[in-house]
């Protein structure tokens, strides 16, 4: 039941994705493992975009860093501003480190969390069940 702004200043309501599987990925521009898994997330969004929505939540980056980074990384999914949103981190956490991926089923219920870097194959195995 959260509304967050994306990197373009547009409000994004997480509830608006009900009916799709959500892969909520908490990350930061300075995080090497986060950077390494972004290409897999881009591929998953391309491949499963009709049933899956990938949402990237930057936990502490200022807005002016997000746009150039997202362009450089060819991020084809919404990049949300998580800076100063401890409420969101608390709801989907705890986040003891990043990256953290949270999988939300079609009904909006969290069914799995993954801490640390994941490969495309690992992500795919996690999303197959609720798809």
Protein backbone atom coordinates (compact mmCIF):
# COMPACT_ATOMS: atom_id res chain seq x y z
CA UNK A 1 0.00 0.00 0.00
CA UNK A 2 2.90 2.35 -0.71
CA UNK A 3 3.20 5.22 -3.12
CA UNK A 4 6.72 6.15 -4.11
CA UNK A 5 8.16 8.55 -6.64
CA UNK A 6 10.10 7.26 -9.58
CA UNK A 7 13.27 8.94 -10.82
CA UNK A 8 11.12 11.21 -13.04
CA UNK A 9 9.05 12.49 -10.11
CA UNK A 10 5.97 10.44 -11.04
CA UNK A 11 4.00 8.78 -8.23
CA UNK A 12 3.98 5.00 -8.48
CA UNK A 13 1.44 3.08 -6.38
CA UNK A 14 2.63 -0.42 -5.62
CA UNK A 15 -1.01 -1.53 -5.37
CA UNK A 16 -1.49 -0.61 -9.04
CA UNK A 17 0.53 -3.72 -9.97
CA UNK A 18 -1.91 -6.13 -8.31
CA UNK A 19 -2.50 -9.02 -10.67
CA UNK A 20 1.16 -9.14 -11.69
CA UNK A 21 4.08 -10.73 -9.93
CA UNK A 22 6.41 -8.05 -8.53
CA UNK A 23 10.15 -8.40 -8.14
CA UNK A 24 11.09 -5.54 -5.84
CA UNK A 25 14.85 -5.05 -5.96
CA UNK A 26 16.54 -2.87 -3.30
CA UNK A 27 19.87 -1.54 -4.55
CA UNK A 28 22.20 1.48 -4.74
CA UNK A 29 24.44 2.98 -7.44
CA UNK A 30 27.57 2.41 -5.32
CA UNK A 31 26.84 -1.31 -4.82
CA UNK A 32 28.95 -3.59 -7.05
CA UNK A 33 26.79 -6.72 -6.65
CA UNK A 34 23.69 -4.60 -7.40
CA UNK A 35 25.28 -3.40 -10.62
CA UNK A 36 26.16 -6.98 -11.58
CA UNK A 37 22.56 -8.21 -11.30
CA UNK A 38 20.86 -5.32 -13.13
CA UNK A 39 21.36 -6.88 -16.61
CA UNK A 40 19.48 -9.98 -15.40
CA UNK A 41 16.63 -7.81 -14.16
CA UNK A 42 16.52 -6.00 -17.51
CA UNK A 43 16.29 -9.36 -19.30
CA UNK A 44 13.55 -10.62 -16.99
CA UNK A 45 11.50 -7.46 -17.55
CA UNK A 46 11.81 -7.94 -21.33
CA UNK A 47 11.01 -11.63 -21.20
CA UNK A 48 8.14 -11.64 -18.66
CA UNK A 49 6.90 -8.04 -18.82
CA UNK A 50 3.30 -9.07 -19.48
CA UNK A 51 3.13 -11.00 -16.18
CA UNK A 52 5.97 -9.53 -14.11
CA UNK A 53 6.96 -6.09 -13.02
CA UNK A 54 10.49 -5.40 -11.83
CA UNK A 55 10.75 -2.38 -9.54
CA UNK A 56 14.18 -1.06 -8.59
CA UNK A 57 14.23 0.78 -5.26
CA UNK A 58 17.37 2.85 -4.82
CA UNK A 59 17.80 2.93 -1.06
CA UNK A 60 19.95 6.02 -0.60
CA UNK A 61 20.93 7.63 -3.88
CA UNK A 62 20.06 11.25 -4.62
CA UNK A 63 17.73 11.81 -7.56
CA UNK A 64 20.44 13.44 -9.70
CA UNK A 65 22.45 10.17 -9.67
CA UNK A 66 19.56 7.90 -10.62
CA UNK A 67 18.74 9.07 -14.14
CA UNK A 68 22.27 8.88 -15.57
CA UNK A 69 22.86 5.54 -13.85
CA UNK A 70 19.59 4.06 -15.13
CA UNK A 71 20.42 5.26 -18.65
CA UNK A 72 23.93 3.81 -18.49
CA UNK A 73 22.58 0.47 -17.24
CA UNK A 74 19.67 0.40 -19.75
CA UNK A 75 17.19 -0.12 -16.93
CA UNK A 76 13.85 -0.81 -18.62
CA UNK A 77 11.81 -0.96 -15.43
CA UNK A 78 10.66 1.69 -12.95
CA UNK A 79 13.42 3.06 -10.74
CA UNK A 80 11.92 4.26 -7.47
CA UNK A 81 13.42 6.71 -5.00
CA UNK A 82 13.85 4.93 -1.70
CA UNK A 83 16.01 7.60 -0.06
CA UNK A 84 14.45 8.66 3.25
CA UNK A 85 11.79 5.94 2.93
CA UNK A 86 12.57 3.89 6.00
CA UNK A 87 8.89 2.91 6.08
CA UNK A 88 9.30 1.00 2.81
CA UNK A 89 12.55 -0.64 3.90
CA UNK A 90 10.94 -1.67 7.19
CA UNK A 91 7.90 -3.12 5.42
CA UNK A 92 9.94 -5.26 3.02
CA UNK A 93 13.01 -5.82 5.18
CA UNK A 94 14.87 -5.98 7.31
CA UNK A 95 17.60 -5.00 4.88
CA UNK A 96 20.92 -5.95 6.45
CA UNK A 97 22.74 -5.40 3.18
CA UNK A 98 21.99 -4.98 -0.49
CA UNK A 99 21.00 -6.15 -2.99
CA UNK A 100 17.79 -7.58 -1.57
CA UNK A 101 15.00 -8.85 -3.79
CA UNK A 102 11.47 -9.28 -2.52
CA UNK A 103 8.99 -11.34 -4.51
CA UNK A 104 5.33 -10.36 -4.28
CA UNK A 105 2.60 -12.60 -5.68
CA UNK A 106 -0.37 -11.54 -7.82
CA UNK A 107 -2.45 -10.88 -4.70
CA UNK A 108 0.12 -8.47 -3.26
CA UNK A 109 1.51 -10.84 -0.64
CA UNK A 110 5.24 -11.23 -0.01
CA UNK A 111 6.13 -14.84 -0.57
CA UNK A 112 9.93 -14.82 -0.75
CA UNK A 113 13.00 -12.68 -0.01
CA UNK A 114 16.49 -13.10 -1.38
CA UNK A 115 19.49 -11.35 0.16
CA UNK A 116 22.64 -10.92 -1.89
CA UNK A 117 23.36 -11.10 -5.58
CA UNK A 118 21.27 -13.44 -7.72
CA UNK A 119 21.72 -14.73 -11.25
CA UNK A 120 19.04 -14.59 -13.94
CA UNK A 121 18.49 -18.33 -13.43
CA UNK A 122 17.96 -17.85 -9.69
CA UNK A 123 15.50 -15.00 -10.28
CA UNK A 124 13.69 -17.06 -12.89
CA UNK A 125 13.30 -20.03 -10.56
CA UNK A 126 11.81 -17.72 -7.92
CA UNK A 127 9.28 -16.08 -10.23
CA UNK A 128 8.15 -19.23 -12.07
CA UNK A 129 5.93 -20.49 -9.24
CA UNK A 130 3.69 -17.42 -8.93
CA UNK A 131 3.61 -16.75 -12.68
